[in-house]
Amino acid sequence: MKINTDPIFSYTPIPEEVKEKMLGFSMPENIPLSFDELSYLTLSYYGFDGNTHVGEMIVNKEVAADVVDIFKEIYEKNILLIK
């Protein structure tokens, strides 16, 4: 999805509508993992087309802040390369 706004770098608990999409697919119903152990990330990135896009990622909540920081740093370094 292309965006024309400020970059987004956030993490939250997984929204209910995302949980519903995950169940039985990327989140098998019979594994011993709880949604409470995970975080939903929303991240801006530069696509191969040179435009800013927003993506989603699910990670263990203990590393969510670090992953967001890494993506933000990569995004900011790419701004310098693109300009």
PDB file of N, CA and C in Angstrom:
ATOM      1  N   MET A   1       0.848  -1.173   0.000  1.00  0.00           N
ATOM      2  CA  MET A   1       0.000   0.000   0.000  1.00  0.00           C
ATOM      3  C   MET A   1       0.893   1.236   0.000  1.00  0.00           C
ATOM      4  N   LYS A   2       0.742   2.120  -0.956  1.00  0.00           N
ATOM      5  CA  LYS A   2       1.525   3.341  -1.038  1.00  0.00           C
ATOM      6  C   LYS A   2       0.928   4.399  -0.121  1.00  0.00           C
ATOM      7  N   ILE A   3       1.810   5.183   0.529  1.00  0.00           N
ATOM      8  CA  ILE A   3       1.330   6.245   1.404  1.00  0.00           C
ATOM      9  C   ILE A   3       1.984   7.561   1.029  1.00  0.00           C
ATOM     10  N   ASN A   4       1.341   8.645   1.374  1.00  0.00           N
ATOM     11  CA  ASN A   4       1.884   9.981   1.142  1.00  0.00           C
ATOM     12  C   ASN A   4       1.876  10.784   2.434  1.00  0.00           C
ATOM     13  N   THR A   5       2.091  10.133   3.553  1.00  0.00           N
ATOM     14  CA  THR A   5       2.077  10.801   4.841  1.00  0.00           C
ATOM     15  C   THR A   5       3.396  10.533   5.555  1.00  0.00           C
ATOM     16  N   ASP A   6       3.476  10.980   6.789  1.00  0.00           N
ATOM     17  CA  ASP A   6       4.674  10.735   7.584  1.00  0.00           C
ATOM     18  C   ASP A   6       4.872   9.231   7.764  1.00  0.00           C
ATOM     19  N   PRO A   7       6.130   8.815   7.889  1.00  0.00           N
ATOM     20  CA  PRO A   7       6.392   7.389   8.088  1.00  0.00           C
ATOM     21  C   PRO A   7       5.776   6.877   9.389  1.00  0.00           C
ATOM     22  N   ILE A   8       5.468   5.595   9.405  1.00  0.00           N
ATOM     23  CA  ILE A   8       4.830   4.944  10.559  1.00  0.00           C
ATOM     24  C   ILE A   8       5.759   3.850  11.068  1.00  0.00           C
ATOM     25  N   PHE A   9       5.999   3.851  12.365  1.00  0.00           N
ATOM     26  CA  PHE A   9       6.788   2.810  13.023  1.00  0.00           C
ATOM     27  C   PHE A   9       6.143   2.551  14.371  1.00  0.00           C
ATOM     28  N   SER A  10       5.284   1.538  14.440  1.00  0.00           N
ATOM     29  CA  SER A  10       4.562   1.306  15.695  1.00  0.00           C
ATOM     30  C   SER A  10       4.377  -0.188  15.956  1.00  0.00           C
ATOM     31  N   TYR A  11       4.099  -0.495  17.217  1.00  0.00           N
ATOM     32  CA  TYR A  11       3.721  -1.857  17.583  1.00  0.00           C
ATOM     33  C   TYR A  11       2.598  -1.796  18.606  1.00  0.00           C
ATOM     34  N   THR A  12       1.676  -2.748  18.481  1.00  0.00           N
ATOM     35  CA  THR A  12       0.499  -2.827  19.338  1.00  0.00           C
ATOM     36  C   THR A  12       0.141  -4.299  19.543  1.00  0.00           C
ATOM     37  N   PRO A  13      -0.779  -4.566  20.461  1.00  0.00           N
ATOM     38  CA  PRO A  13      -1.336  -5.923  20.492  1.00  0.00           C
ATOM     39  C   PRO A  13      -2.011  -6.198  19.144  1.00  0.00           C
ATOM     40  N   ILE A  14      -2.125  -7.455  18.792  1.00  0.00           N
ATOM     41  CA  ILE A  14      -2.702  -7.814  17.493  1.00  0.00           C
ATOM     42  C   ILE A  14      -4.196  -7.485  17.490  1.00  0.00           C
ATOM     43  N   PRO A  15      -4.655  -6.690  16.518  1.00  0.00           N
ATOM     44  CA  PRO A  15      -6.080  -6.362  16.425  1.00  0.00           C
ATOM     45  C   PRO A  15      -6.918  -7.629  16.169  1.00  0.00           C
ATOM     46  N   GLU A  16      -8.144  -7.618  16.646  1.00  0.00           N
ATOM     47  CA  GLU A  16      -9.025  -8.786  16.515  1.00  0.00           C
ATOM     48  C   GLU A  16      -9.209  -9.220  15.068  1.00  0.00           C
ATOM     49  N   GLU A  17      -9.369  -8.256  14.135  1.00  0.00           N
ATOM     50  CA  GLU A  17      -9.583  -8.627  12.736  1.00  0.00           C
ATOM     51  C   GLU A  17      -8.357  -9.314  12.136  1.00  0.00           C
ATOM     52  N   VAL A  18      -7.167  -8.972  12.627  1.00  0.00           N
ATOM     53  CA  VAL A  18      -5.943  -9.629  12.161  1.00  0.00           C
ATOM     54  C   VAL A  18      -5.863 -11.028  12.766  1.00  0.00           C
ATOM     55  N   LYS A  19      -6.220 -11.169  14.033  1.00  0.00           N
ATOM     56  CA  LYS A  19      -6.225 -12.492  14.674  1.00  0.00           C
ATOM     57  C   LYS A  19      -7.122 -13.449  13.902  1.00  0.00           C
ATOM     58  N   GLU A  20      -8.296 -12.970  13.506  1.00  0.00           N
ATOM     59  CA  GLU A  20      -9.249 -13.814  12.773  1.00  0.00           C
ATOM     60  C   GLU A  20      -8.660 -14.284  11.446  1.00  0.00           C
ATOM     61  N   LYS A  21      -7.924 -13.402  10.771  1.00  0.00           N
ATOM     62  CA  LYS A  21      -7.296 -13.778   9.498  1.00  0.00           C
ATOM     63  C   LYS A  21      -6.164 -14.785   9.709  1.00  0.00           C
ATOM     64  N   MET A  22      -5.481 -14.692  10.830  1.00  0.00           N
ATOM     65  CA  MET A  22      -4.330 -15.551  11.100  1.00  0.00           C
ATOM     66  C   MET A  22      -4.725 -16.961  11.510  1.00  0.00           C
ATOM     67  N   LEU A  23      -5.819 -17.093  12.266  1.00  0.00           N
ATOM     68  CA  LEU A  23      -6.204 -18.397  12.806  1.00  0.00           C
ATOM     69  C   LEU A  23      -6.396 -19.430  11.707  1.00  0.00           C
ATOM     70  N   GLY A  24      -5.703 -20.540  11.866  1.00  0.00           N
ATOM     71  CA  GLY A  24      -5.804 -21.623  10.911  1.00  0.00           C
ATOM     72  C   GLY A  24      -4.872 -21.469   9.716  1.00  0.00           C
ATOM     73  N   PHE A  25      -4.194 -20.336   9.611  1.00  0.00           N
ATOM     74  CA  PHE A  25      -3.272 -20.100   8.501  1.00  0.00           C
ATOM     75  C   PHE A  25      -1.874 -19.861   9.065  1.00  0.00           C
ATOM     76  N   SER A  26      -1.514 -18.613   9.298  1.00  0.00           N
ATOM     77  CA  SER A  26      -0.187 -18.327   9.847  1.00  0.00           C
ATOM     78  C   SER A  26      -0.126 -18.608  11.342  1.00  0.00           C
ATOM     79  N   MET A  27      -1.275 -18.804  11.963  1.00  0.00           N
ATOM     80  CA  MET A  27      -1.354 -19.152  13.386  1.00  0.00           C
ATOM     81  C   MET A  27      -2.202 -20.422  13.506  1.00  0.00           C
ATOM     82  N   PRO A  28      -1.542 -21.592  13.376  1.00  0.00           N
ATOM     83  CA  PRO A  28      -2.302 -22.835  13.503  1.00  0.00           C
ATOM     84  C   PRO A  28      -3.007 -22.912  14.857  1.00  0.00           C
ATOM     85  N   GLU A  29      -4.190 -23.463  14.857  1.00  0.00           N
ATOM     86  CA  GLU A  29      -4.990 -23.499  16.085  1.00  0.00           C
ATOM     87  C   GLU A  29      -4.460 -24.468  17.124  1.00  0.00           C
ATOM     88  N   ASN A  30      -3.593 -25.389  16.732  1.00  0.00           N
ATOM     89  CA  ASN A  30      -3.148 -26.419  17.675  1.00  0.00           C
ATOM     90  C   ASN A  30      -1.715 -26.231  18.165  1.00  0.00           C
ATOM     91  N   ILE A  31      -1.150 -25.017  18.047  1.00  0.00           N
ATOM     92  CA  ILE A  31       0.205 -24.822  18.559  1.00  0.00           C
ATOM     93  C   ILE A  31       0.158 -24.105  19.909  1.00  0.00           C
ATOM     94  N   PRO A  32       1.132 -24.371  20.756  1.00  0.00           N
ATOM     95  CA  PRO A  32       1.125 -23.782  22.101  1.00  0.00           C
ATOM     96  C   PRO A  32       1.690 -22.360  22.136  1.00  0.00           C
ATOM     97  N   LEU A  33       1.096 -21.456  21.360  1.00  0.00           N
ATOM     98  CA  LEU A  33       1.528 -20.072  21.317  1.00  0.00           C
ATOM     99  C   LEU A  33       0.298 -19.195  21.468  1.00  0.00           C
ATOM    100  N   SER A  34       0.428 -18.177  22.275  1.00  0.00           N
ATOM    101  CA  SER A  34      -0.693 -17.286  22.541  1.00  0.00           C
ATOM    102  C   SER A  34      -0.518 -15.976  21.789  1.00  0.00           C
ATOM    103  N   PHE A  35      -1.616 -15.392  21.346  1.00  0.00           N
ATOM    104  CA  PHE A  35      -1.573 -14.071  20.739  1.00  0.00           C
ATOM    105  C   PHE A  35      -1.003 -13.047  21.725  1.00  0.00           C
ATOM    106  N   ASP A  36      -1.140 -13.309  23.012  1.00  0.00           N
ATOM    107  CA  ASP A  36      -0.612 -12.400  24.029  1.00  0.00           C
ATOM    108  C   ASP A  36       0.917 -12.315  23.998  1.00  0.00           C
ATOM    109  N   GLU A  37       1.564 -13.288  23.377  1.00  0.00           N
ATOM    110  CA  GLU A  37       3.024 -13.307  23.276  1.00  0.00           C
ATOM    111  C   GLU A  37       3.530 -12.560  22.051  1.00  0.00           C
ATOM    112  N   LEU A  38       2.603 -12.046  21.233  1.00  0.00           N
ATOM    113  CA  LEU A  38       2.967 -11.447  19.954  1.00  0.00           C
ATOM    114  C   LEU A  38       2.586  -9.974  19.880  1.00  0.00           C
ATOM    115  N   SER A  39       3.232  -9.254  18.985  1.00  0.00           N
ATOM    116  CA  SER A  39       2.902  -7.854  18.714  1.00  0.00           C
ATOM    117  C   SER A  39       2.690  -7.661  17.222  1.00  0.00           C
ATOM    118  N   TYR A  40       1.859  -6.686  16.906  1.00  0.00           N
ATOM    119  CA  TYR A  40       1.526  -6.314  15.530  1.00  0.00           C
ATOM    120  C   TYR A  40       2.285  -5.037  15.201  1.00  0.00           C
ATOM    121  N   LEU A  41       3.169  -5.117  14.211  1.00  0.00           N
ATOM    122  CA  LEU A  41       3.972  -3.968  13.821  1.00  0.00           C
ATOM    123  C   LEU A  41       3.421  -3.353  12.540  1.00  0.00           C
ATOM    124  N   THR A  42       3.454  -2.041  12.467  1.00  0.00           N
ATOM    125  CA  THR A  42       3.136  -1.296  11.257  1.00  0.00           C
ATOM    126  C   THR A  42       4.382  -0.492  10.930  1.00  0.00           C
ATOM    127  N   LEU A  43       4.931  -0.721   9.730  1.00  0.00           N
ATOM    128  CA  LEU A  43       6.241  -0.184   9.398  1.00  0.00           C
ATOM    129  C   LEU A  43       6.262   0.445   8.011  1.00  0.00           C
ATOM    130  N   SER A  44       6.849   1.615   7.912  1.00  0.00           N
ATOM    131  CA  SER A  44       7.080   2.230   6.611  1.00  0.00           C
ATOM    132  C   SER A  44       8.369   1.675   6.028  1.00  0.00           C
ATOM    133  N   TYR A  45       8.393   1.572   4.699  1.00  0.00           N
ATOM    134  CA  TYR A  45       9.596   1.116   4.010  1.00  0.00           C
ATOM    135  C   TYR A  45       9.591   1.658   2.592  1.00  0.00           C
ATOM    136  N   TYR A  46      10.762   1.673   1.979  1.00  0.00           N
ATOM    137  CA  TYR A  46      10.874   2.064   0.579  1.00  0.00           C
ATOM    138  C   TYR A  46      10.778   0.815  -0.273  1.00  0.00           C
ATOM    139  N   GLY A  47       9.886   0.833  -1.239  1.00  0.00           N
ATOM    140  CA  GLY A  47       9.746  -0.284  -2.161  1.00  0.00           C
ATOM    141  C   GLY A  47      10.763  -0.187  -3.287  1.00  0.00           C
ATOM    142  N   PHE A  48      10.832  -1.229  -4.097  1.00  0.00           N
ATOM    143  CA  PHE A  48      11.736  -1.226  -5.240  1.00  0.00           C
ATOM    144  C   PHE A  48      11.348  -0.152  -6.251  1.00  0.00           C
ATOM    145  N   ASP A  49      10.128   0.350  -6.137  1.00  0.00           N
ATOM    146  CA  ASP A  49       9.679   1.423  -7.028  1.00  0.00           C
ATOM    147  C   ASP A  49      10.137   2.798  -6.538  1.00  0.00           C
ATOM    148  N   GLY A  50      10.835   2.853  -5.387  1.00  0.00           N
ATOM    149  CA  GLY A  50      11.334   4.115  -4.848  1.00  0.00           C
ATOM    150  C   GLY A  50      10.318   4.884  -4.030  1.00  0.00           C
ATOM    151  N   ASN A  51       9.117   4.338  -3.890  1.00  0.00           N
ATOM    152  CA  ASN A  51       8.058   4.988  -3.113  1.00  0.00           C
ATOM    153  C   ASN A  51       7.981   4.421  -1.709  1.00  0.00           C
ATOM    154  N   THR A  52       7.419   5.206  -0.813  1.00  0.00           N
ATOM    155  CA  THR A  52       7.194   4.762   0.559  1.00  0.00           C
ATOM    156  C   THR A  52       5.916   3.934   0.616  1.00  0.00           C
ATOM    157  N   HIS A  53       5.995   2.822   1.318  1.00  0.00           N
ATOM    158  CA  HIS A  53       4.861   1.922   1.507  1.00  0.00           C
ATOM    159  C   HIS A  53       4.745   1.612   2.994  1.00  0.00           C
ATOM    160  N   VAL A  54       3.633   0.999   3.382  1.00  0.00           N
ATOM    161  CA  VAL A  54       3.439   0.555   4.764  1.00  0.00           C
ATOM    162  C   VAL A  54       3.199  -0.945   4.746  1.00  0.00           C
ATOM    163  N   GLY A  55       3.928  -1.643   5.612  1.00  0.00           N
ATOM    164  CA  GLY A  55       3.764  -3.078   5.740  1.00  0.00           C
ATOM    165  C   GLY A  55       3.414  -3.455   7.159  1.00  0.00           C
ATOM    166  N   GLU A  56       3.044  -4.707   7.325  1.00  0.00           N
ATOM    167  CA  GLU A  56       2.670  -5.247   8.636  1.00  0.00           C
ATOM    168  C   GLU A  56       3.561  -6.441   8.940  1.00  0.00           C
ATOM    169  N   MET A  57       3.798  -6.654  10.218  1.00  0.00           N
ATOM    170  CA  MET A  57       4.618  -7.779  10.639  1.00  0.00           C
ATOM    171  C   MET A  57       4.156  -8.219  12.031  1.00  0.00           C
ATOM    172  N   ILE A  58       4.217  -9.505  12.272  1.00  0.00           N
ATOM    173  CA  ILE A  58       3.924 -10.054  13.596  1.00  0.00           C
ATOM    174  C   ILE A  58       5.231 -10.606  14.151  1.00  0.00           C
ATOM    175  N   VAL A  59       5.575 -10.192  15.375  1.00  0.00           N
ATOM    176  CA  VAL A  59       6.799 -10.674  16.024  1.00  0.00           C
ATOM    177  C   VAL A  59       6.514 -10.971  17.495  1.00  0.00           C
ATOM    178  N   ASN A  60       7.444 -11.658  18.122  1.00  0.00           N
ATOM    179  CA  ASN A  60       7.363 -11.866  19.565  1.00  0.00           C
ATOM    180  C   ASN A  60       7.388 -10.495  20.233  1.00  0.00           C
ATOM    181  N   LYS A  61       6.506 -10.281  21.195  1.00  0.00           N
ATOM    182  CA  LYS A  61       6.393  -8.946  21.789  1.00  0.00           C
ATOM    183  C   LYS A  61       7.656  -8.505  22.512  1.00  0.00           C
ATOM    184  N   GLU A  62       8.502  -9.448  22.906  1.00  0.00           N
ATOM    185  CA  GLU A  62       9.737  -9.080  23.605  1.00  0.00           C
ATOM    186  C   GLU A  62      10.752  -8.407  22.681  1.00  0.00           C
ATOM    187  N   VAL A  63      10.612  -8.594  21.367  1.00  0.00           N
ATOM    188  CA  VAL A  63      11.555  -7.965  20.432  1.00  0.00           C
ATOM    189  C   VAL A  63      10.897  -6.875  19.588  1.00  0.00           C
ATOM    190  N   ALA A  64       9.631  -6.597  19.832  1.00  0.00           N
ATOM    191  CA  ALA A  64       8.878  -5.653  18.998  1.00  0.00           C
ATOM    192  C   ALA A  64       9.538  -4.278  18.924  1.00  0.00           C
ATOM    193  N   ALA A  65       9.919  -3.713  20.047  1.00  0.00           N
ATOM    194  CA  ALA A  65      10.527  -2.378  20.056  1.00  0.00           C
ATOM    195  C   ALA A  65      11.843  -2.377  19.278  1.00  0.00           C
ATOM    196  N   ASP A  66      12.638  -3.424  19.432  1.00  0.00           N
ATOM    197  CA  ASP A  66      13.913  -3.506  18.707  1.00  0.00           C
ATOM    198  C   ASP A  66      13.693  -3.605  17.202  1.00  0.00           C
ATOM    199  N   VAL A  67      12.724  -4.405  16.785  1.00  0.00           N
ATOM    200  CA  VAL A  67      12.447  -4.558  15.356  1.00  0.00           C
ATOM    201  C   VAL A  67      11.966  -3.233  14.771  1.00  0.00           C
ATOM    202  N   VAL A  68      11.102  -2.532  15.489  1.00  0.00           N
ATOM    203  CA  VAL A  68      10.632  -1.223  15.028  1.00  0.00           C
ATOM    204  C   VAL A  68      11.816  -0.265  14.895  1.00  0.00           C
ATOM    205  N   ASP A  69      12.690  -0.246  15.874  1.00  0.00           N
ATOM    206  CA  ASP A  69      13.867   0.634  15.822  1.00  0.00           C
ATOM    207  C   ASP A  69      14.760   0.309  14.622  1.00  0.00           C
ATOM    208  N   ILE A  70      14.940  -0.966  14.339  1.00  0.00           N
ATOM    209  CA  ILE A  70      15.774  -1.380  13.206  1.00  0.00           C
ATOM    210  C   ILE A  70      15.156  -0.905  11.889  1.00  0.00           C
ATOM    211  N   PHE A  71      13.853  -1.118  11.718  1.00  0.00           N
ATOM    212  CA  PHE A  71      13.202  -0.682  10.485  1.00  0.00           C
ATOM    213  C   PHE A  71      13.223   0.834  10.347  1.00  0.00           C
ATOM    214  N   LYS A  72      13.082   1.544  11.443  1.00  0.00           N
ATOM    215  CA  LYS A  72      13.144   3.006  11.394  1.00  0.00           C
ATOM    216  C   LYS A  72      14.539   3.461  10.970  1.00  0.00           C
ATOM    217  N   GLU A  73      15.566   2.844  11.520  1.00  0.00           N
ATOM    218  CA  GLU A  73      16.935   3.205  11.165  1.00  0.00           C
ATOM    219  C   GLU A  73      17.208   2.932   9.685  1.00  0.00           C
ATOM    220  N   ILE A  74      16.768   1.785   9.193  1.00  0.00           N
ATOM    221  CA  ILE A  74      16.951   1.458   7.771  1.00  0.00           C
ATOM    222  C   ILE A  74      16.217   2.472   6.902  1.00  0.00           C
ATOM    223  N   TYR A  75      14.996   2.820   7.279  1.00  0.00           N
ATOM    224  CA  TYR A  75      14.202   3.789   6.522  1.00  0.00           C
ATOM    225  C   TYR A  75      14.925   5.135   6.468  1.00  0.00           C
ATOM    226  N   GLU A  76      15.407   5.583   7.612  1.00  0.00           N
ATOM    227  CA  GLU A  76      16.081   6.884   7.676  1.00  0.00           C
ATOM    228  C   GLU A  76      17.387   6.882   6.875  1.00  0.00           C
ATOM    229  N   LYS A  77      18.110   5.785   6.858  1.00  0.00           N
ATOM    230  CA  LYS A  77      19.337   5.705   6.073  1.00  0.00           C
ATOM    231  C   LYS A  77      19.014   5.702   4.578  1.00  0.00           C
ATOM    232  N   ASN A  78      17.894   5.091   4.197  1.00  0.00           N
ATOM    233  CA  ASN A  78      17.497   5.078   2.789  1.00  0.00           C
ATOM    234  C   ASN A  78      17.074   6.463   2.313  1.00  0.00           C
ATOM    235  N   ILE A  79      16.554   7.288   3.192  1.00  0.00           N
ATOM    236  CA  ILE A  79      16.194   8.669   2.811  1.00  0.00           C
ATOM    237  C   ILE A  79      17.441   9.366   2.279  1.00  0.00           C
ATOM    238  N   LEU A  80      18.562   9.158   2.940  1.00  0.00           N
ATOM    239  CA  LEU A  80      19.810   9.784   2.515  1.00  0.00           C
ATOM    240  C   LEU A  80      20.265   9.272   1.152  1.00  0.00           C
ATOM    241  N   LEU A  81      20.049   8.002   0.879  1.00  0.00           N
ATOM    242  CA  LEU A  81      20.461   7.420  -0.391  1.00  0.00           C
ATOM    243  C   LEU A  81      19.577   7.875  -1.551  1.00  0.00           C
ATOM    244  N   ILE A  82      18.288   8.055  -1.259  1.00  0.00           N
ATOM    245  CA  ILE A  82      17.330   8.414  -2.300  1.00  0.00           C
ATOM    246  C   ILE A  82      17.469   9.875  -2.692  1.00  0.00           C
ATOM    247  N   LYS A  83      17.762  10.732  -1.725  1.00  0.00           N
ATOM    248  CA  LYS A  83      17.862  12.177  -2.001  1.00  0.00           C
ATOM    249  C   LYS A  83      19.077  12.476  -2.733  1.00  0.00           C
TER     250      LYS A  83
END
